[in-house]
């Protein structure tokens, strides 16, 4: 089984981006360098504010979709827990 992570990155303007990866630090670095998501072209990433470990890519994708459907308020609650 592969280990996957769901992560949430906060941008400089306090927006939240959710994604999945096998290596959170490497993925964050790629986002800092301008690679990966177009989301960061207008609002650069600031910090990783949440990670969650899951056991498969399928689980990660399902959880990512569920998190993306949450309101910003609910995402902030998730980050606090």
PDB file of N, CA and C in Angstrom:
ATOM      1  N   UNK A   1       0.824  -1.203   0.000  1.00  0.00           N
ATOM      2  CA  UNK A   1       0.000   0.000   0.000  1.00  0.00           C
ATOM      3  C   UNK A   1       0.862   1.257   0.000  1.00  0.00           C
ATOM      4  N   UNK A   2       0.447   2.207  -0.787  1.00  0.00           N
ATOM      5  CA  UNK A   2       1.138   3.493  -0.834  1.00  0.00           C
ATOM      6  C   UNK A   2       0.572   4.418   0.231  1.00  0.00           C
ATOM      7  N   UNK A   3       1.429   5.281   0.741  1.00  0.00           N
ATOM      8  CA  UNK A   3       0.955   6.316   1.661  1.00  0.00           C
ATOM      9  C   UNK A   3       0.786   7.609   0.881  1.00  0.00           C
ATOM     10  N   UNK A   4      -0.382   8.195   0.989  1.00  0.00           N
ATOM     11  CA  UNK A   4      -0.699   9.456   0.344  1.00  0.00           C
ATOM     12  C   UNK A   4      -1.106  10.464   1.400  1.00  0.00           C
ATOM     13  N   UNK A   5      -1.005  11.724   1.056  1.00  0.00           N
ATOM     14  CA  UNK A   5      -1.379  12.801   1.966  1.00  0.00           C
ATOM     15  C   UNK A   5      -2.306  13.778   1.263  1.00  0.00           C
ATOM     16  N   UNK A   6      -3.280  14.248   2.006  1.00  0.00           N
ATOM     17  CA  UNK A   6      -4.083  15.388   1.587  1.00  0.00           C
ATOM     18  C   UNK A   6      -3.450  16.577   2.301  1.00  0.00           C
ATOM     19  N   UNK A   7      -3.304  17.682   1.614  1.00  0.00           N
ATOM     20  CA  UNK A   7      -2.706  18.855   2.251  1.00  0.00           C
ATOM     21  C   UNK A   7      -3.504  20.097   1.908  1.00  0.00           C
ATOM     22  N   UNK A   8      -3.435  21.062   2.801  1.00  0.00           N
ATOM     23  CA  UNK A   8      -4.027  22.372   2.542  1.00  0.00           C
ATOM     24  C   UNK A   8      -2.929  23.410   2.710  1.00  0.00           C
ATOM     25  N   UNK A   9      -2.799  24.262   1.704  1.00  0.00           N
ATOM     26  CA  UNK A   9      -1.823  25.354   1.724  1.00  0.00           C
ATOM     27  C   UNK A   9      -2.576  26.667   1.826  1.00  0.00           C
ATOM     28  N   UNK A  10      -2.095  27.527   2.698  1.00  0.00           N
ATOM     29  CA  UNK A  10      -2.634  28.878   2.794  1.00  0.00           C
ATOM     30  C   UNK A  10      -1.783  29.791   1.919  1.00  0.00           C
ATOM     31  N   UNK A  11      -2.432  30.670   1.170  1.00  0.00           N
ATOM     32  CA  UNK A  11      -1.705  31.600   0.315  1.00  0.00           C
ATOM     33  C   UNK A  11      -1.406  32.898   1.066  1.00  0.00           C
ATOM     34  N   UNK A  12      -0.633  33.744   0.442  1.00  0.00           N
ATOM     35  CA  UNK A  12      -0.288  35.045   1.041  1.00  0.00           C
ATOM     36  C   UNK A  12      -1.548  35.852   1.379  1.00  0.00           C
ATOM     37  N   UNK A  13      -2.610  35.708   0.547  1.00  0.00           N
ATOM     38  CA  UNK A  13      -3.859  36.443   0.757  1.00  0.00           C
ATOM     39  C   UNK A  13      -4.906  35.633   1.518  1.00  0.00           C
ATOM     40  N   UNK A  14      -4.452  34.586   2.228  1.00  0.00           N
ATOM     41  CA  UNK A  14      -5.304  33.772   3.107  1.00  0.00           C
ATOM     42  C   UNK A  14      -6.319  32.890   2.387  1.00  0.00           C
ATOM     43  N   UNK A  15      -6.091  32.601   1.103  1.00  0.00           N
ATOM     44  CA  UNK A  15      -6.921  31.620   0.406  1.00  0.00           C
ATOM     45  C   UNK A  15      -6.395  30.227   0.756  1.00  0.00           C
ATOM     46  N   UNK A  16      -7.234  29.218   0.591  1.00  0.00           N
ATOM     47  CA  UNK A  16      -6.846  27.851   0.912  1.00  0.00           C
ATOM     48  C   UNK A  16      -6.866  26.982  -0.340  1.00  0.00           C
ATOM     49  N   UNK A  17      -5.800  26.215  -0.526  1.00  0.00           N
ATOM     50  CA  UNK A  17      -5.683  25.293  -1.657  1.00  0.00           C
ATOM     51  C   UNK A  17      -5.542  23.876  -1.113  1.00  0.00           C
ATOM     52  N   UNK A  18      -6.316  22.951  -1.645  1.00  0.00           N
ATOM     53  CA  UNK A  18      -6.271  21.559  -1.215  1.00  0.00           C
ATOM     54  C   UNK A  18      -5.735  20.696  -2.345  1.00  0.00           C
ATOM     55  N   UNK A  19      -4.836  19.773  -1.997  1.00  0.00           N
ATOM     56  CA  UNK A  19      -4.292  18.856  -2.988  1.00  0.00           C
ATOM     57  C   UNK A  19      -3.885  17.544  -2.354  1.00  0.00           C
ATOM     58  N   UNK A  20      -3.370  16.627  -3.191  1.00  0.00           N
ATOM     59  CA  UNK A  20      -2.869  15.348  -2.695  1.00  0.00           C
ATOM     60  C   UNK A  20      -1.452  15.128  -3.210  1.00  0.00           C
ATOM     61  N   UNK A  21      -0.688  14.343  -2.475  1.00  0.00           N
ATOM     62  CA  UNK A  21       0.690  14.045  -2.865  1.00  0.00           C
ATOM     63  C   UNK A  21       1.214  12.875  -2.045  1.00  0.00           C
ATOM     64  N   UNK A  22       2.358  12.360  -2.454  1.00  0.00           N
ATOM     65  CA  UNK A  22       3.047  11.345  -1.655  1.00  0.00           C
ATOM     66  C   UNK A  22       4.105  11.997  -0.773  1.00  0.00           C
ATOM     67  N   UNK A  23       4.494  13.228  -1.104  1.00  0.00           N
ATOM     68  CA  UNK A  23       5.548  13.939  -0.370  1.00  0.00           C
ATOM     69  C   UNK A  23       5.147  15.406  -0.230  1.00  0.00           C
ATOM     70  N   UNK A  24       4.631  15.759   0.935  1.00  0.00           N
ATOM     71  CA  UNK A  24       4.094  17.107   1.158  1.00  0.00           C
ATOM     72  C   UNK A  24       5.175  18.179   0.999  1.00  0.00           C
ATOM     73  N   UNK A  25       6.341  17.965   1.593  1.00  0.00           N
ATOM     74  CA  UNK A  25       7.401  18.982   1.517  1.00  0.00           C
ATOM     75  C   UNK A  25       7.853  19.226   0.081  1.00  0.00           C
ATOM     76  N   UNK A  26       8.045  18.158  -0.676  1.00  0.00           N
ATOM     77  CA  UNK A  26       8.476  18.300  -2.069  1.00  0.00           C
ATOM     78  C   UNK A  26       7.407  19.009  -2.897  1.00  0.00           C
ATOM     79  N   UNK A  27       6.152  18.666  -2.639  1.00  0.00           N
ATOM     80  CA  UNK A  27       5.057  19.289  -3.385  1.00  0.00           C
ATOM     81  C   UNK A  27       4.936  20.773  -3.050  1.00  0.00           C
ATOM     82  N   UNK A  28       5.076  21.115  -1.773  1.00  0.00           N
ATOM     83  CA  UNK A  28       5.040  22.518  -1.363  1.00  0.00           C
ATOM     84  C   UNK A  28       6.173  23.285  -2.036  1.00  0.00           C
ATOM     85  N   UNK A  29       7.351  22.690  -2.062  1.00  0.00           N
ATOM     86  CA  UNK A  29       8.500  23.332  -2.708  1.00  0.00           C
ATOM     87  C   UNK A  29       8.218  23.578  -4.184  1.00  0.00           C
ATOM     88  N   UNK A  30       7.591  22.598  -4.838  1.00  0.00           N
ATOM     89  CA  UNK A  30       7.243  22.765  -6.256  1.00  0.00           C
ATOM     90  C   UNK A  30       6.277  23.931  -6.438  1.00  0.00           C
ATOM     91  N   UNK A  31       5.305  24.044  -5.546  1.00  0.00           N
ATOM     92  CA  UNK A  31       4.365  25.167  -5.612  1.00  0.00           C
ATOM     93  C   UNK A  31       5.094  26.495  -5.396  1.00  0.00           C
ATOM     94  N   UNK A  32       6.037  26.524  -4.463  1.00  0.00           N
ATOM     95  CA  UNK A  32       6.818  27.747  -4.212  1.00  0.00           C
ATOM     96  C   UNK A  32       7.605  28.172  -5.445  1.00  0.00           C
ATOM     97  N   UNK A  33       8.057  27.180  -6.214  1.00  0.00           N
ATOM     98  CA  UNK A  33       8.850  27.451  -7.413  1.00  0.00           C
ATOM     99  C   UNK A  33       7.995  27.760  -8.636  1.00  0.00           C
ATOM    100  N   UNK A  34       6.672  27.788  -8.443  1.00  0.00           N
ATOM    101  CA  UNK A  34       5.783  28.135  -9.551  1.00  0.00           C
ATOM    102  C   UNK A  34       5.266  26.946 -10.338  1.00  0.00           C
ATOM    103  N   UNK A  35       5.574  25.744  -9.902  1.00  0.00           N
ATOM    104  CA  UNK A  35       5.093  24.547 -10.595  1.00  0.00           C
ATOM    105  C   UNK A  35       3.851  23.996  -9.949  1.00  0.00           C
ATOM    106  N   UNK A  36       3.239  23.047 -10.632  1.00  0.00           N
ATOM    107  CA  UNK A  36       2.065  22.398 -10.052  1.00  0.00           C
ATOM    108  C   UNK A  36       0.775  23.081 -10.437  1.00  0.00           C
ATOM    109  N   UNK A  37       0.181  23.782  -9.526  1.00  0.00           N
ATOM    110  CA  UNK A  37      -1.160  24.332  -9.718  1.00  0.00           C
ATOM    111  C   UNK A  37      -1.150  25.765 -10.247  1.00  0.00           C
ATOM    112  N   UNK A  38      -2.040  26.034 -11.188  1.00  0.00           N
ATOM    113  CA  UNK A  38      -2.232  27.387 -11.711  1.00  0.00           C
ATOM    114  C   UNK A  38      -2.793  28.314 -10.629  1.00  0.00           C
ATOM    115  N   UNK A  39      -3.431  27.710  -9.631  1.00  0.00           N
ATOM    116  CA  UNK A  39      -4.032  28.444  -8.514  1.00  0.00           C
ATOM    117  C   UNK A  39      -3.071  29.469  -7.923  1.00  0.00           C
ATOM    118  N   UNK A  40      -1.784  29.128  -7.863  1.00  0.00           N
ATOM    119  CA  UNK A  40      -0.795  29.974  -7.193  1.00  0.00           C
ATOM    120  C   UNK A  40      -0.182  31.056  -8.084  1.00  0.00           C
ATOM    121  N   UNK A  41      -0.594  31.135  -9.319  1.00  0.00           N
ATOM    122  CA  UNK A  41      -0.009  32.139 -10.221  1.00  0.00           C
ATOM    123  C   UNK A  41      -0.331  33.563  -9.794  1.00  0.00           C
ATOM    124  N   UNK A  42      -1.509  33.776  -9.221  1.00  0.00           N
ATOM    125  CA  UNK A  42      -1.901  35.130  -8.812  1.00  0.00           C
ATOM    126  C   UNK A  42      -1.803  35.350  -7.306  1.00  0.00           C
ATOM    127  N   UNK A  43      -1.626  34.279  -6.552  1.00  0.00           N
ATOM    128  CA  UNK A  43      -1.574  34.367  -5.091  1.00  0.00           C
ATOM    129  C   UNK A  43      -0.605  33.300  -4.581  1.00  0.00           C
ATOM    130  N   UNK A  44       0.637  33.667  -4.322  1.00  0.00           N
ATOM    131  CA  UNK A  44       1.662  32.687  -3.976  1.00  0.00           C
ATOM    132  C   UNK A  44       1.379  31.915  -2.684  1.00  0.00           C
ATOM    133  N   UNK A  45       1.860  30.669  -2.625  1.00  0.00           N
ATOM    134  CA  UNK A  45       1.683  29.874  -1.408  1.00  0.00           C
ATOM    135  C   UNK A  45       2.479  30.458  -0.252  1.00  0.00           C
ATOM    136  N   UNK A  46       1.944  30.341   0.949  1.00  0.00           N
ATOM    137  CA  UNK A  46       2.613  30.851   2.139  1.00  0.00           C
ATOM    138  C   UNK A  46       3.102  29.712   3.028  1.00  0.00           C
ATOM    139  N   UNK A  47       2.153  28.802   3.404  1.00  0.00           N
ATOM    140  CA  UNK A  47       2.556  27.705   4.289  1.00  0.00           C
ATOM    141  C   UNK A  47       1.555  26.559   4.201  1.00  0.00           C
ATOM    142  N   UNK A  48       2.035  25.370   4.539  1.00  0.00           N
ATOM    143  CA  UNK A  48       1.160  24.209   4.654  1.00  0.00           C
ATOM    144  C   UNK A  48       0.486  24.311   6.016  1.00  0.00           C
ATOM    145  N   UNK A  49      -0.844  24.304   6.025  1.00  0.00           N
ATOM    146  CA  UNK A  49      -1.576  24.468   7.279  1.00  0.00           C
ATOM    147  C   UNK A  49      -2.276  23.191   7.736  1.00  0.00           C
ATOM    148  N   UNK A  50      -2.284  22.163   6.861  1.00  0.00           N
ATOM    149  CA  UNK A  50      -2.982  20.921   7.220  1.00  0.00           C
ATOM    150  C   UNK A  50      -2.442  19.771   6.387  1.00  0.00           C
ATOM    151  N   UNK A  51      -2.254  18.628   7.031  1.00  0.00           N
ATOM    152  CA  UNK A  51      -1.952  17.391   6.319  1.00  0.00           C
ATOM    153  C   UNK A  51      -2.758  16.265   6.949  1.00  0.00           C
ATOM    154  N   UNK A  52      -3.111  15.317   6.119  1.00  0.00           N
ATOM    155  CA  UNK A  52      -3.854  14.145   6.571  1.00  0.00           C
ATOM    156  C   UNK A  52      -3.330  12.940   5.789  1.00  0.00           C
ATOM    157  N   UNK A  53      -2.925  11.911   6.493  1.00  0.00           N
ATOM    158  CA  UNK A  53      -2.376  10.715   5.856  1.00  0.00           C
ATOM    159  C   UNK A  53      -3.500   9.736   5.528  1.00  0.00           C
ATOM    160  N   UNK A  54      -3.432   9.169   4.323  1.00  0.00           N
ATOM    161  CA  UNK A  54      -4.381   8.137   3.905  1.00  0.00           C
ATOM    162  C   UNK A  54      -3.607   6.986   3.268  1.00  0.00           C
ATOM    163  N   UNK A  55      -4.263   5.853   3.100  1.00  0.00           N
ATOM    164  CA  UNK A  55      -3.564   4.640   2.685  1.00  0.00           C
ATOM    165  C   UNK A  55      -3.558   4.352   1.191  1.00  0.00           C
ATOM    166  N   UNK A  56      -4.267   5.132   0.400  1.00  0.00           N
ATOM    167  CA  UNK A  56      -4.270   4.865  -1.041  1.00  0.00           C
ATOM    168  C   UNK A  56      -4.560   6.147  -1.819  1.00  0.00           C
ATOM    169  N   UNK A  57      -4.192   6.123  -3.088  1.00  0.00           N
ATOM    170  CA  UNK A  57      -4.477   7.279  -3.937  1.00  0.00           C
ATOM    171  C   UNK A  57      -5.982   7.473  -4.081  1.00  0.00           C
ATOM    172  N   UNK A  58      -6.708   6.370  -4.190  1.00  0.00           N
ATOM    173  CA  UNK A  58      -8.159   6.441  -4.303  1.00  0.00           C
ATOM    174  C   UNK A  58      -8.768   7.130  -3.083  1.00  0.00           C
ATOM    175  N   UNK A  59      -8.330   6.744  -1.893  1.00  0.00           N
ATOM    176  CA  UNK A  59      -8.814   7.380  -0.657  1.00  0.00           C
ATOM    177  C   UNK A  59      -8.451   8.859  -0.627  1.00  0.00           C
ATOM    178  N   UNK A  60      -7.243   9.166  -1.080  1.00  0.00           N
ATOM    179  CA  UNK A  60      -6.789  10.565  -1.096  1.00  0.00           C
ATOM    180  C   UNK A  60      -7.655  11.407  -2.027  1.00  0.00           C
ATOM    181  N   UNK A  61      -7.940  10.883  -3.208  1.00  0.00           N
ATOM    182  CA  UNK A  61      -8.760  11.625  -4.165  1.00  0.00           C
ATOM    183  C   UNK A  61     -10.173  11.858  -3.634  1.00  0.00           C
ATOM    184  N   UNK A  62     -10.748  10.838  -3.004  1.00  0.00           N
ATOM    185  CA  UNK A  62     -12.093  10.982  -2.444  1.00  0.00           C
ATOM    186  C   UNK A  62     -12.112  12.007  -1.315  1.00  0.00           C
ATOM    187  N   UNK A  63     -11.104  11.951  -0.455  1.00  0.00           N
ATOM    188  CA  UNK A  63     -11.034  12.891   0.671  1.00  0.00           C
ATOM    189  C   UNK A  63     -10.778  14.316   0.164  1.00  0.00           C
ATOM    190  N   UNK A  64      -9.931  14.451  -0.845  1.00  0.00           N
ATOM    191  CA  UNK A  64      -9.654  15.766  -1.435  1.00  0.00           C
ATOM    192  C   UNK A  64     -10.947  16.397  -1.958  1.00  0.00           C
ATOM    193  N   UNK A  65     -11.752  15.614  -2.658  1.00  0.00           N
ATOM    194  CA  UNK A  65     -13.013  16.117  -3.187  1.00  0.00           C
ATOM    195  C   UNK A  65     -13.934  16.550  -2.052  1.00  0.00           C
ATOM    196  N   UNK A  66     -13.994  15.732  -0.999  1.00  0.00           N
ATOM    197  CA  UNK A  66     -14.840  16.071   0.152  1.00  0.00           C
ATOM    198  C   UNK A  66     -14.395  17.381   0.801  1.00  0.00           C
ATOM    199  N   UNK A  67     -13.092  17.563   0.952  1.00  0.00           N
ATOM    200  CA  UNK A  67     -12.576  18.790   1.568  1.00  0.00           C
ATOM    201  C   UNK A  67     -12.842  19.991   0.669  1.00  0.00           C
ATOM    202  N   UNK A  68     -12.644  19.830  -0.626  1.00  0.00           N
ATOM    203  CA  UNK A  68     -12.871  20.938  -1.555  1.00  0.00           C
ATOM    204  C   UNK A  68     -14.327  21.407  -1.550  1.00  0.00           C
ATOM    205  N   UNK A  69     -15.247  20.518  -1.212  1.00  0.00           N
ATOM    206  CA  UNK A  69     -16.665  20.870  -1.161  1.00  0.00           C
ATOM    207  C   UNK A  69     -17.036  21.637   0.108  1.00  0.00           C
ATOM    208  N   UNK A  70     -16.155  21.625   1.102  1.00  0.00           N
ATOM    209  CA  UNK A  70     -16.428  22.325   2.362  1.00  0.00           C
ATOM    210  C   UNK A  70     -16.370  23.841   2.173  1.00  0.00           C
ATOM    211  N   UNK A  71     -17.114  24.546   2.982  1.00  0.00           N
ATOM    212  CA  UNK A  71     -17.011  26.006   2.996  1.00  0.00           C
ATOM    213  C   UNK A  71     -15.659  26.390   3.609  1.00  0.00           C
ATOM    214  N   UNK A  72     -15.262  27.623   3.404  1.00  0.00           N
ATOM    215  CA  UNK A  72     -13.999  28.074   3.997  1.00  0.00           C
ATOM    216  C   UNK A  72     -14.061  27.972   5.523  1.00  0.00           C
ATOM    217  N   UNK A  73     -15.206  28.281   6.099  1.00  0.00           N
ATOM    218  CA  UNK A  73     -15.377  28.181   7.552  1.00  0.00           C
ATOM    219  C   UNK A  73     -15.126  26.751   8.029  1.00  0.00           C
ATOM    220  N   UNK A  74     -15.687  25.780   7.320  1.00  0.00           N
ATOM    221  CA  UNK A  74     -15.509  24.368   7.686  1.00  0.00           C
ATOM    222  C   UNK A  74     -14.054  23.939   7.492  1.00  0.00           C
ATOM    223  N   UNK A  75     -13.405  24.444   6.452  1.00  0.00           N
ATOM    224  CA  UNK A  75     -11.989  24.124   6.241  1.00  0.00           C
ATOM    225  C   UNK A  75     -11.145  24.679   7.391  1.00  0.00           C
ATOM    226  N   UNK A  76     -11.458  25.888   7.822  1.00  0.00           N
ATOM    227  CA  UNK A  76     -10.712  26.477   8.953  1.00  0.00           C
ATOM    228  C   UNK A  76     -10.929  25.677  10.222  1.00  0.00           C
ATOM    229  N   UNK A  77     -12.135  25.149  10.422  1.00  0.00           N
ATOM    230  CA  UNK A  77     -12.402  24.284  11.572  1.00  0.00           C
ATOM    231  C   UNK A  77     -11.578  23.004  11.489  1.00  0.00           C
ATOM    232  N   UNK A  78     -11.474  22.438  10.303  1.00  0.00           N
ATOM    233  CA  UNK A  78     -10.684  21.225  10.074  1.00  0.00           C
ATOM    234  C   UNK A  78      -9.216  21.481  10.403  1.00  0.00           C
ATOM    235  N   UNK A  79      -8.717  22.619   9.974  1.00  0.00           N
ATOM    236  CA  UNK A  79      -7.315  22.973  10.220  1.00  0.00           C
ATOM    237  C   UNK A  79      -7.038  23.122  11.711  1.00  0.00           C
ATOM    238  N   UNK A  80      -8.000  23.674  12.447  1.00  0.00           N
ATOM    239  CA  UNK A  80      -7.838  23.892  13.901  1.00  0.00           C
ATOM    240  C   UNK A  80      -7.775  22.591  14.683  1.00  0.00           C
ATOM    241  N   UNK A  81      -8.518  21.565  14.226  1.00  0.00           N
ATOM    242  CA  UNK A  81      -8.590  20.294  14.970  1.00  0.00           C
ATOM    243  C   UNK A  81      -7.285  19.543  15.029  1.00  0.00           C
TER     244      UNK A  81
END
